[in-house]
Each structure stands twice: as C-alpha cells, then as structure tokens.
PDB file of all heavy atoms in Angstrom:
ATOM      1  N   TYR A   1     -76.049 163.892 -65.870  1.00  0.00           N
ATOM      2  CA  TYR A   1     -75.894 165.317 -65.539  1.00  0.00           C
ATOM      3  C   TYR A   1     -76.778 166.164 -66.441  1.00  0.00           C
ATOM      4  O   TYR A   1     -76.897 165.906 -67.645  1.00  0.00           O
ATOM      5  CB  TYR A   1     -74.436 165.739 -65.702  1.00  0.00           C
ATOM      6  CG  TYR A   1     -73.514 165.076 -64.687  1.00  0.00           C
ATOM      7  CD1 TYR A   1     -72.558 164.151 -65.098  1.00  0.00           C
ATOM      8  CD2 TYR A   1     -73.618 165.372 -63.333  1.00  0.00           C
ATOM      9  CE1 TYR A   1     -71.713 163.541 -64.188  1.00  0.00           C
ATOM     10  CE2 TYR A   1     -72.770 164.768 -62.417  1.00  0.00           C
ATOM     11  CZ  TYR A   1     -71.825 163.855 -62.831  1.00  0.00           C
ATOM     12  OH  TYR A   1     -71.014 163.257 -61.926  1.00  0.00           O
ATOM     13  N   SER A   2     -77.359 167.191 -65.827  1.00  0.00           N
ATOM     14  CA  SER A   2     -78.268 168.072 -66.578  1.00  0.00           C
ATOM     15  C   SER A   2     -77.500 169.095 -67.420  1.00  0.00           C
ATOM     16  O   SER A   2     -78.098 169.761 -68.274  1.00  0.00           O
ATOM     17  CB  SER A   2     -79.206 168.807 -65.606  1.00  0.00           C
ATOM     18  OG  SER A   2     -78.446 169.526 -64.629  1.00  0.00           O
ATOM     19  N   LEU A   3     -76.207 169.231 -67.188  1.00  0.00           N
ATOM     20  CA  LEU A   3     -75.382 170.175 -67.939  1.00  0.00           C
ATOM     21  C   LEU A   3     -74.099 169.493 -68.402  1.00  0.00           C
ATOM     22  O   LEU A   3     -73.597 168.581 -67.745  1.00  0.00           O
ATOM     23  CB  LEU A   3     -75.010 171.391 -67.072  1.00  0.00           C
ATOM     24  CG  LEU A   3     -76.142 172.311 -66.600  1.00  0.00           C
ATOM     25  CD1 LEU A   3     -75.577 173.358 -65.635  1.00  0.00           C
ATOM     26  CD2 LEU A   3     -76.806 173.000 -67.792  1.00  0.00           C
ATOM     27  N   THR A   4     -73.590 169.957 -69.539  1.00  0.00           N
ATOM     28  CA  THR A   4     -72.256 169.516 -69.960  1.00  0.00           C
ATOM     29  C   THR A   4     -71.217 170.383 -69.246  1.00  0.00           C
ATOM     30  O   THR A   4     -71.541 171.391 -68.615  1.00  0.00           O
ATOM     31  CB  THR A   4     -72.085 169.673 -71.476  1.00  0.00           C
ATOM     32  OG1 THR A   4     -72.144 171.075 -71.809  1.00  0.00           O
ATOM     33  CG2 THR A   4     -73.173 168.914 -72.232  1.00  0.00           C
ATOM     34  N   ALA A   5     -69.946 169.981 -69.365  1.00  0.00           N
ATOM     35  CA  ALA A   5     -68.872 170.747 -68.709  1.00  0.00           C
ATOM     36  C   ALA A   5     -68.796 172.164 -69.270  1.00  0.00           C
ATOM     37  O   ALA A   5     -68.610 173.144 -68.529  1.00  0.00           O
ATOM     38  CB  ALA A   5     -67.542 170.025 -68.895  1.00  0.00           C
ATOM     39  N   THR A   6     -68.952 172.279 -70.597  1.00  0.00           N
ATOM     40  CA  THR A   6     -68.902 173.595 -71.226  1.00  0.00           C
ATOM     41  C   THR A   6     -70.072 174.456 -70.771  1.00  0.00           C
ATOM     42  O   THR A   6     -69.917 175.657 -70.481  1.00  0.00           O
ATOM     43  CB  THR A   6     -68.917 173.459 -72.758  1.00  0.00           C
ATOM     44  OG1 THR A   6     -67.802 172.673 -73.168  1.00  0.00           O
ATOM     45  CG2 THR A   6     -68.831 174.832 -73.419  1.00  0.00           C
ATOM     46  N   GLN A   7     -71.275 173.858 -70.690  1.00  0.00           N
ATOM     47  CA  GLN A   7     -72.449 174.604 -70.238  1.00  0.00           C
ATOM     48  C   GLN A   7     -72.288 175.069 -68.788  1.00  0.00           C
ATOM     49  O   GLN A   7     -72.663 176.196 -68.439  1.00  0.00           O
ATOM     50  CB  GLN A   7     -73.702 173.732 -70.383  1.00  0.00           C
ATOM     51  CG  GLN A   7     -74.128 173.502 -71.823  1.00  0.00           C
ATOM     52  CD  GLN A   7     -75.256 172.493 -71.941  1.00  0.00           C
ATOM     53  OE1 GLN A   7     -75.465 171.649 -71.046  1.00  0.00           O
ATOM     54  NE2 GLN A   7     -76.006 172.563 -73.043  1.00  0.00           N
ATOM     55  N   LEU A   8     -71.721 174.196 -67.956  1.00  0.00           N
ATOM     56  CA  LEU A   8     -71.501 174.566 -66.562  1.00  0.00           C
ATOM     57  C   LEU A   8     -70.552 175.773 -66.471  1.00  0.00           C
ATOM     58  O   LEU A   8     -70.812 176.723 -65.715  1.00  0.00           O
ATOM     59  CB  LEU A   8     -70.906 173.382 -65.795  1.00  0.00           C
ATOM     60  CG  LEU A   8     -70.475 173.677 -64.340  1.00  0.00           C
ATOM     61  CD1 LEU A   8     -71.674 174.120 -63.503  1.00  0.00           C
ATOM     62  CD2 LEU A   8     -69.817 172.440 -63.728  1.00  0.00           C
ATOM     63  N   THR A   9     -69.486 175.725 -67.253  1.00  0.00           N
ATOM     64  CA  THR A   9     -68.527 176.845 -67.250  1.00  0.00           C
ATOM     65  C   THR A   9     -69.197 178.137 -67.678  1.00  0.00           C
ATOM     66  O   THR A   9     -69.029 179.190 -67.044  1.00  0.00           O
ATOM     67  CB  THR A   9     -67.351 176.539 -68.181  1.00  0.00           C
ATOM     68  OG1 THR A   9     -66.705 175.337 -67.752  1.00  0.00           O
ATOM     69  CG2 THR A   9     -66.345 177.678 -68.179  1.00  0.00           C
ATOM     70  N   GLU A  10     -69.956 178.086 -68.753  1.00  0.00           N
ATOM     71  CA  GLU A  10     -70.608 179.294 -69.262  1.00  0.00           C
ATOM     72  C   GLU A  10     -71.634 179.835 -68.269  1.00  0.00           C
ATOM     73  O   GLU A  10     -71.746 181.062 -68.081  1.00  0.00           O
ATOM     74  CB  GLU A  10     -71.281 178.979 -70.602  1.00  0.00           C
ATOM     75  CG  GLU A  10     -70.268 178.724 -71.719  1.00  0.00           C
ATOM     76  CD  GLU A  10     -70.928 178.314 -73.017  1.00  0.00           C
ATOM     77  OE1 GLU A  10     -72.142 177.992 -72.978  1.00  0.00           O
ATOM     78  OE2 GLU A  10     -70.249 178.287 -74.060  1.00  0.00           O
ATOM     79  N   HIS A  11     -72.397 178.934 -67.613  1.00  0.00           N
ATOM     80  CA  HIS A  11     -73.378 179.376 -66.637  1.00  0.00           C
ATOM     81  C   HIS A  11     -72.709 180.089 -65.456  1.00  0.00           C
ATOM     82  O   HIS A  11     -73.158 181.168 -65.026  1.00  0.00           O
ATOM     83  CB  HIS A  11     -74.192 178.181 -66.123  1.00  0.00           C
ATOM     84  CG  HIS A  11     -75.362 177.850 -66.987  1.00  0.00           C
ATOM     85  ND1 HIS A  11     -75.249 177.230 -68.208  1.00  0.00           N
ATOM     86  CD2 HIS A  11     -76.712 178.070 -66.806  1.00  0.00           C
ATOM     87  CE1 HIS A  11     -76.436 177.054 -68.753  1.00  0.00           C
ATOM     88  NE2 HIS A  11     -77.351 177.563 -67.923  1.00  0.00           N
ATOM     89  N   LEU A  12     -71.627 179.510 -64.938  1.00  0.00           N
ATOM     90  CA  LEU A  12     -70.983 180.086 -63.757  1.00  0.00           C
ATOM     91  C   LEU A  12     -70.196 181.351 -64.077  1.00  0.00           C
ATOM     92  O   LEU A  12     -70.070 182.238 -63.236  1.00  0.00           O
ATOM     93  CB  LEU A  12     -70.063 179.042 -63.105  1.00  0.00           C
ATOM     94  CG  LEU A  12     -70.813 177.931 -62.359  1.00  0.00           C
ATOM     95  CD1 LEU A  12     -69.823 176.989 -61.692  1.00  0.00           C
ATOM     96  CD2 LEU A  12     -71.747 178.512 -61.306  1.00  0.00           C
ATOM     97  N   VAL A  13     -69.653 181.440 -65.290  1.00  0.00           N
ATOM     98  CA  VAL A  13     -68.943 182.670 -65.672  1.00  0.00           C
ATOM     99  C   VAL A  13     -69.882 183.863 -65.573  1.00  0.00           C
ATOM    100  O   VAL A  13     -69.494 184.948 -65.119  1.00  0.00           O
ATOM    101  CB  VAL A  13     -68.361 182.543 -67.091  1.00  0.00           C
ATOM    102  CG1 VAL A  13     -67.947 183.909 -67.629  1.00  0.00           C
ATOM    103  CG2 VAL A  13     -67.151 181.603 -67.087  1.00  0.00           C
ATOM    104  N   LYS A  14     -71.145 183.661 -65.960  1.00  0.00           N
ATOM    105  CA  LYS A  14     -72.130 184.738 -65.853  1.00  0.00           C
ATOM    106  C   LYS A  14     -72.409 185.082 -64.392  1.00  0.00           C
ATOM    107  O   LYS A  14     -72.598 186.242 -64.036  1.00  0.00           O
ATOM    108  CB  LYS A  14     -73.427 184.333 -66.551  1.00  0.00           C
ATOM    109  CG  LYS A  14     -73.286 184.129 -68.054  1.00  0.00           C
ATOM    110  CD  LYS A  14     -74.595 183.657 -68.667  1.00  0.00           C
ATOM    111  CE  LYS A  14     -74.437 183.399 -70.162  1.00  0.00           C
ATOM    112  NZ  LYS A  14     -75.691 182.883 -70.764  1.00  0.00           N
ATOM    113  N   LYS A  15     -72.426 184.039 -63.546  1.00  0.00           N
ATOM    114  CA  LYS A  15     -72.688 184.274 -62.126  1.00  0.00           C
ATOM    115  C   LYS A  15     -71.526 185.013 -61.454  1.00  0.00           C
ATOM    116  O   LYS A  15     -71.725 185.758 -60.496  1.00  0.00           O
ATOM    117  CB  LYS A  15     -72.920 182.935 -61.398  1.00  0.00           C
ATOM    118  CG  LYS A  15     -74.017 182.071 -61.992  1.00  0.00           C
ATOM    119  CD  LYS A  15     -75.365 182.759 -61.955  1.00  0.00           C
ATOM    120  CE  LYS A  15     -76.465 181.842 -62.521  1.00  0.00           C
ATOM    121  NZ  LYS A  15     -77.766 182.542 -62.610  1.00  0.00           N
ATOM    122  N   PHE A  16     -70.312 184.777 -61.972  1.00  0.00           N
ATOM    123  CA  PHE A  16     -69.132 185.392 -61.367  1.00  0.00           C
ATOM    124  C   PHE A  16     -69.043 186.897 -61.649  1.00  0.00           C
ATOM    125  O   PHE A  16     -68.301 187.612 -60.983  1.00  0.00           O
ATOM    126  CB  PHE A  16     -67.850 184.740 -61.877  1.00  0.00           C
ATOM    127  CG  PHE A  16     -67.743 183.278 -61.529  1.00  0.00           C
ATOM    128  CD1 PHE A  16     -66.921 182.443 -62.257  1.00  0.00           C
ATOM    129  CD2 PHE A  16     -68.475 182.745 -60.479  1.00  0.00           C
ATOM    130  CE1 PHE A  16     -66.827 181.101 -61.941  1.00  0.00           C
ATOM    131  CE2 PHE A  16     -68.386 181.403 -60.163  1.00  0.00           C
ATOM    132  CZ  PHE A  16     -67.559 180.579 -60.900  1.00  0.00           C
ATOM    133  N   SER A  17     -69.765 187.373 -62.650  1.00  0.00           N
ATOM    134  CA  SER A  17     -69.649 188.781 -63.039  1.00  0.00           C
ATOM    135  C   SER A  17     -69.999 189.719 -61.878  1.00  0.00           C
ATOM    136  O   SER A  17     -69.408 190.794 -61.726  1.00  0.00           O
ATOM    137  CB  SER A  17     -70.551 189.072 -64.234  1.00  0.00           C
ATOM    138  OG  SER A  17     -71.919 188.822 -63.896  1.00  0.00           O
ATOM    139  N   ALA A  18     -70.949 189.284 -61.028  1.00  0.00           N
ATOM    140  CA  ALA A  18     -71.340 190.126 -59.887  1.00  0.00           C
ATOM    141  C   ALA A  18     -70.169 190.285 -58.911  1.00  0.00           C
ATOM    142  O   ALA A  18     -69.958 191.364 -58.342  1.00  0.00           O
ATOM    143  CB  ALA A  18     -72.543 189.525 -59.176  1.00  0.00           C
ATOM    144  N   ILE A  19     -69.400 189.199 -58.715  1.00  0.00           N
ATOM    145  CA  ILE A  19     -68.240 189.268 -57.816  1.00  0.00           C
ATOM    146  C   ILE A  19     -67.186 190.201 -58.397  1.00  0.00           C
ATOM    147  O   ILE A  19     -66.589 191.017 -57.682  1.00  0.00           O
ATOM    148  CB  ILE A  19     -67.650 187.861 -57.588  1.00  0.00           C
ATOM    149  CG1 ILE A  19     -68.716 186.932 -56.994  1.00  0.00           C
ATOM    150  CG2 ILE A  19     -66.434 187.930 -56.676  1.00  0.00           C
ATOM    151  CD1 ILE A  19     -68.251 185.502 -56.812  1.00  0.00           C
ATOM    152  N   ILE A  20     -66.956 190.078 -59.716  1.00  0.00           N
ATOM    153  CA  ILE A  20     -65.971 190.951 -60.374  1.00  0.00           C
ATOM    154  C   ILE A  20     -66.398 192.409 -60.259  1.00  0.00           C
ATOM    155  O   ILE A  20     -65.582 193.297 -59.974  1.00  0.00           O
ATOM    156  CB  ILE A  20     -65.814 190.564 -61.851  1.00  0.00           C
ATOM    157  CG1 ILE A  20     -65.307 189.116 -61.974  1.00  0.00           C
ATOM    158  CG2 ILE A  20     -64.862 191.515 -62.556  1.00  0.00           C
ATOM    159  CD1 ILE A  20     -63.949 188.895 -61.375  1.00  0.00           C
ATOM    160  N   GLU A  21     -67.695 192.669 -60.447  1.00  0.00           N
ATOM    161  CA  GLU A  21     -68.194 194.042 -60.344  1.00  0.00           C
ATOM    162  C   GLU A  21     -68.055 194.579 -58.918  1.00  0.00           C
ATOM    163  O   GLU A  21     -67.716 195.753 -58.710  1.00  0.00           O
ATOM    164  CB  GLU A  21     -69.655 194.094 -60.784  1.00  0.00           C
ATOM    165  CG  GLU A  21     -69.845 193.891 -62.281  1.00  0.00           C
ATOM    166  CD  GLU A  21     -71.305 193.847 -62.676  1.00  0.00           C
ATOM    167  OE1 GLU A  21     -72.156 194.101 -61.782  1.00  0.00           O
ATOM    168  OE2 GLU A  21     -71.612 193.574 -63.841  1.00  0.00           O
ATOM    169  N   LEU A  22     -68.298 193.720 -57.919  1.00  0.00           N
ATOM    170  CA  LEU A  22     -68.138 194.143 -56.529  1.00  0.00           C
ATOM    171  C   LEU A  22     -66.677 194.474 -56.223  1.00  0.00           C
ATOM    172  O   LEU A  22     -66.375 195.483 -55.586  1.00  0.00           O
ATOM    173  CB  LEU A  22     -68.634 193.045 -55.583  1.00  0.00           C
ATOM    174  CG  LEU A  22     -68.477 193.335 -54.078  1.00  0.00           C
ATOM    175  CD1 LEU A  22     -69.285 194.571 -53.687  1.00  0.00           C
ATOM    176  CD2 LEU A  22     -68.904 192.127 -53.251  1.00  0.00           C
ATOM    177  N   GLN A  23     -65.798 193.620 -56.721  1.00  0.00           N
ATOM    178  CA  GLN A  23     -64.375 193.878 -56.501  1.00  0.00           C
ATOM    179  C   GLN A  23     -63.941 195.170 -57.210  1.00  0.00           C
ATOM    180  O   GLN A  23     -63.210 195.982 -56.634  1.00  0.00           O
ATOM    181  CB  GLN A  23     -63.542 192.706 -57.003  1.00  0.00           C
ATOM    182  CG  GLN A  23     -62.046 192.866 -56.702  1.00  0.00           C
ATOM    183  CD  GLN A  23     -61.233 191.708 -57.226  1.00  0.00           C
ATOM    184  OE1 GLN A  23     -61.603 191.065 -58.208  1.00  0.00           O
ATOM    185  NE2 GLN A  23     -60.124 191.420 -56.584  1.00  0.00           N
ATOM    186  N   SER A  24     -64.402 195.367 -58.437  1.00  0.00           N
ATOM    187  CA  SER A  24     -64.065 196.584 -59.176  1.00  0.00           C
ATOM    188  C   SER A  24     -64.578 197.818 -58.446  1.00  0.00           C
ATOM    189  O   SER A  24     -63.903 198.856 -58.396  1.00  0.00           O
ATOM    190  CB  SER A  24     -64.660 196.531 -60.590  1.00  0.00           C
ATOM    191  OG  SER A  24     -64.125 195.430 -61.310  1.00  0.00           O
ATOM    192  N   TYR A  25     -65.785 197.677 -57.854  1.00  0.00           N
ATOM    193  CA  TYR A  25     -66.347 198.800 -57.101  1.00  0.00           C
ATOM    194  C   TYR A  25     -65.477 199.130 -55.890  1.00  0.00           C
ATOM    195  O   TYR A  25     -65.166 200.304 -55.631  1.00  0.00           O
ATOM    196  CB  TYR A  25     -67.766 198.457 -56.647  1.00  0.00           C
ATOM    197  CG  TYR A  25     -68.320 199.421 -55.637  1.00  0.00           C
ATOM    198  CD1 TYR A  25     -68.834 200.653 -56.009  1.00  0.00           C
ATOM    199  CD2 TYR A  25     -68.305 199.095 -54.267  1.00  0.00           C
ATOM    200  CE1 TYR A  25     -69.324 201.546 -55.072  1.00  0.00           C
ATOM    201  CE2 TYR A  25     -68.791 199.982 -53.324  1.00  0.00           C
ATOM    202  CZ  TYR A  25     -69.304 201.205 -53.733  1.00  0.00           C
ATOM    203  OH  TYR A  25     -69.778 202.080 -52.806  1.00  0.00           O
ATOM    204  N   LEU A  26     -65.065 198.107 -55.153  1.00  0.00           N
ATOM    205  CA  LEU A  26     -64.233 198.332 -53.959  1.00  0.00           C
ATOM    206  C   LEU A  26     -62.887 198.949 -54.336  1.00  0.00           C
ATOM    207  O   LEU A  26     -62.386 199.844 -53.658  1.00  0.00           O
ATOM    208  CB  LEU A  26     -64.022 197.015 -53.212  1.00  0.00           C
ATOM    209  CG  LEU A  26     -65.256 196.444 -52.501  1.00  0.00           C
ATOM    210  CD1 LEU A  26     -64.959 195.067 -51.948  1.00  0.00           C
ATOM    211  CD2 LEU A  26     -65.719 197.372 -51.388  1.00  0.00           C
ATOM    212  N   VAL A  27     -62.314 198.448 -55.436  1.00  0.00           N
ATOM    213  CA  VAL A  27     -61.028 198.993 -55.894  1.00  0.00           C
ATOM    214  C   VAL A  27     -61.190 200.463 -56.282  1.00  0.00           C
ATOM    215  O   VAL A  27     -60.372 201.315 -55.918  1.00  0.00           O
ATOM    216  CB  VAL A  27     -60.480 198.170 -57.082  1.00  0.00           C
ATOM    217  CG1 VAL A  27     -59.284 198.882 -57.711  1.00  0.00           C
ATOM    218  CG2 VAL A  27     -60.077 196.781 -56.624  1.00  0.00           C
ATOM    219  N   LYS A  28     -62.264 200.756 -57.025  1.00  0.00           N
ATOM    220  CA  LYS A  28     -62.508 202.138 -57.467  1.00  0.00           C
ATOM    221  C   LYS A  28     -62.728 203.061 -56.263  1.00  0.00           C
ATOM    222  O   LYS A  28     -62.184 204.170 -56.208  1.00  0.00           O
ATOM    223  CB  LYS A  28     -63.711 202.189 -58.402  1.00  0.00           C
ATOM    224  CG  LYS A  28     -64.030 203.597 -58.920  1.00  0.00           C
ATOM    225  CD  LYS A  28     -65.233 203.568 -59.846  1.00  0.00           C
ATOM    226  CE  LYS A  28     -65.559 204.973 -60.354  1.00  0.00           C
ATOM    227  NZ  LYS A  28     -65.869 205.913 -59.244  1.00  0.00           N
ATOM    228  N   GLU A  29     -63.556 202.607 -55.308  1.00  0.00           N
ATOM    229  CA  GLU A  29     -63.826 203.430 -54.126  1.00  0.00           C
ATOM    230  C   GLU A  29     -62.549 203.676 -53.323  1.00  0.00           C
ATOM    231  O   GLU A  29     -62.292 204.791 -52.859  1.00  0.00           O
ATOM    232  CB  GLU A  29     -64.858 202.730 -53.228  1.00  0.00           C
ATOM    233  CG  GLU A  29     -66.275 202.796 -53.755  1.00  0.00           C
ATOM    234  CD  GLU A  29     -66.819 204.213 -53.741  1.00  0.00           C
ATOM    235  OE1 GLU A  29     -66.893 204.827 -52.668  1.00  0.00           O
ATOM    236  OE2 GLU A  29     -67.157 204.706 -54.837  1.00  0.00           O
ATOM    237  N   THR A  30     -61.746 202.627 -53.182  1.00  0.00           N
ATOM    238  CA  THR A  30     -60.495 202.769 -52.436  1.00  0.00           C
ATOM    239  C   THR A  30     -59.535 203.699 -53.160  1.00  0.00           C
ATOM    240  O   THR A  30     -58.879 204.549 -52.540  1.00  0.00           O
ATOM    241  CB  THR A  30     -59.836 201.387 -52.246  1.00  0.00           C
ATOM    242  OG1 THR A  30     -60.774 200.492 -51.642  1.00  0.00           O
ATOM    243  CG2 THR A  30     -58.607 201.489 -51.352  1.00  0.00           C
ATOM    244  N   LEU A  31     -59.454 203.557 -54.474  1.00  0.00           N
ATOM    245  CA  LEU A  31     -58.571 204.404 -55.266  1.00  0.00           C
ATOM    246  C   LEU A  31     -59.036 205.861 -55.226  1.00  0.00           C
ATOM    247  O   LEU A  31     -58.218 206.781 -55.062  1.00  0.00           O
ATOM    248  CB  LEU A  31     -58.527 203.900 -56.712  1.00  0.00           C
ATOM    249  CG  LEU A  31     -57.473 204.522 -57.639  1.00  0.00           C
ATOM    250  CD1 LEU A  31     -56.076 204.278 -57.094  1.00  0.00           C
ATOM    251  CD2 LEU A  31     -57.602 203.947 -59.048  1.00  0.00           C
ATOM    252  N   ASP A  32     -60.348 206.066 -55.346  1.00  0.00           N
ATOM    253  CA  ASP A  32     -60.886 207.432 -55.291  1.00  0.00           C
ATOM    254  C   ASP A  32     -60.616 208.073 -53.930  1.00  0.00           C
ATOM    255  O   ASP A  32     -60.282 209.261 -53.845  1.00  0.00           O
ATOM    256  CB  ASP A  32     -62.396 207.419 -55.568  1.00  0.00           C
ATOM    257  CG  ASP A  32     -62.703 207.102 -57.019  1.00  0.00           C
ATOM    258  OD1 ASP A  32     -61.775 207.160 -57.851  1.00  0.00           O
ATOM    259  OD2 ASP A  32     -63.876 206.787 -57.320  1.00  0.00           O
ATOM    260  N   GLU A  33     -60.772 207.277 -52.871  1.00  0.00           N
ATOM    261  CA  GLU A  33     -60.510 207.809 -51.531  1.00  0.00           C
ATOM    262  C   GLU A  33     -59.038 208.168 -51.360  1.00  0.00           C
ATOM    263  O   GLU A  33     -58.695 209.198 -50.762  1.00  0.00           O
ATOM    264  CB  GLU A  33     -60.923 206.766 -50.475  1.00  0.00           C
ATOM    265  CG  GLU A  33     -60.647 207.161 -49.034  1.00  0.00           C
ATOM    266  CD  GLU A  33     -61.427 208.385 -48.588  1.00  0.00           C
ATOM    267  OE1 GLU A  33     -62.433 208.736 -49.245  1.00  0.00           O
ATOM    268  OE2 GLU A  33     -61.035 208.990 -47.570  1.00  0.00           O
ATOM    269  N   ALA A  34     -58.148 207.313 -51.897  1.00  0.00           N
ATOM    270  CA  ALA A  34     -56.708 207.605 -51.811  1.00  0.00           C
ATOM    271  C   ALA A  34     -56.358 208.858 -52.603  1.00  0.00           C
ATOM    272  O   ALA A  34     -55.549 209.686 -52.157  1.00  0.00           O
ATOM    273  CB  ALA A  34     -55.911 206.407 -52.329  1.00  0.00           C
ATOM    274  N   ILE A  35     -56.992 209.021 -53.775  1.00  0.00           N
ATOM    275  CA  ILE A  35     -56.750 210.218 -54.587  1.00  0.00           C
ATOM    276  C   ILE A  35     -57.254 211.459 -53.850  1.00  0.00           C
ATOM    277  O   ILE A  35     -56.600 212.514 -53.854  1.00  0.00           O
ATOM    278  CB  ILE A  35     -57.435 210.080 -55.964  1.00  0.00           C
ATOM    279  CG1 ILE A  35     -56.738 208.983 -56.792  1.00  0.00           C
ATOM    280  CG2 ILE A  35     -57.409 211.398 -56.725  1.00  0.00           C
ATOM    281  CD1 ILE A  35     -57.439 208.647 -58.089  1.00  0.00           C
TER     282      ILE A  35
END
C-alpha cells in the first residue's frame, strides 16, 4: 500500500472538509430563510 492507515485517514479528513462546508452552507441558508 502506498499509504498507511493513519495517512489515509488524514488525507480523507481534508477531503471531507468540502462536504462539511457545503452542509454548513445549506444549514445557514435554511436558517437565514426561516429567520
């Protein structure tokens, strides 16, 4: 394997940040619209 388990986790955690930001954006937009 070209990566260790720890390296794989760290690499993907960085990739997941975009999903978290998208979800935060949707939550914020929905909350702002409700307000």
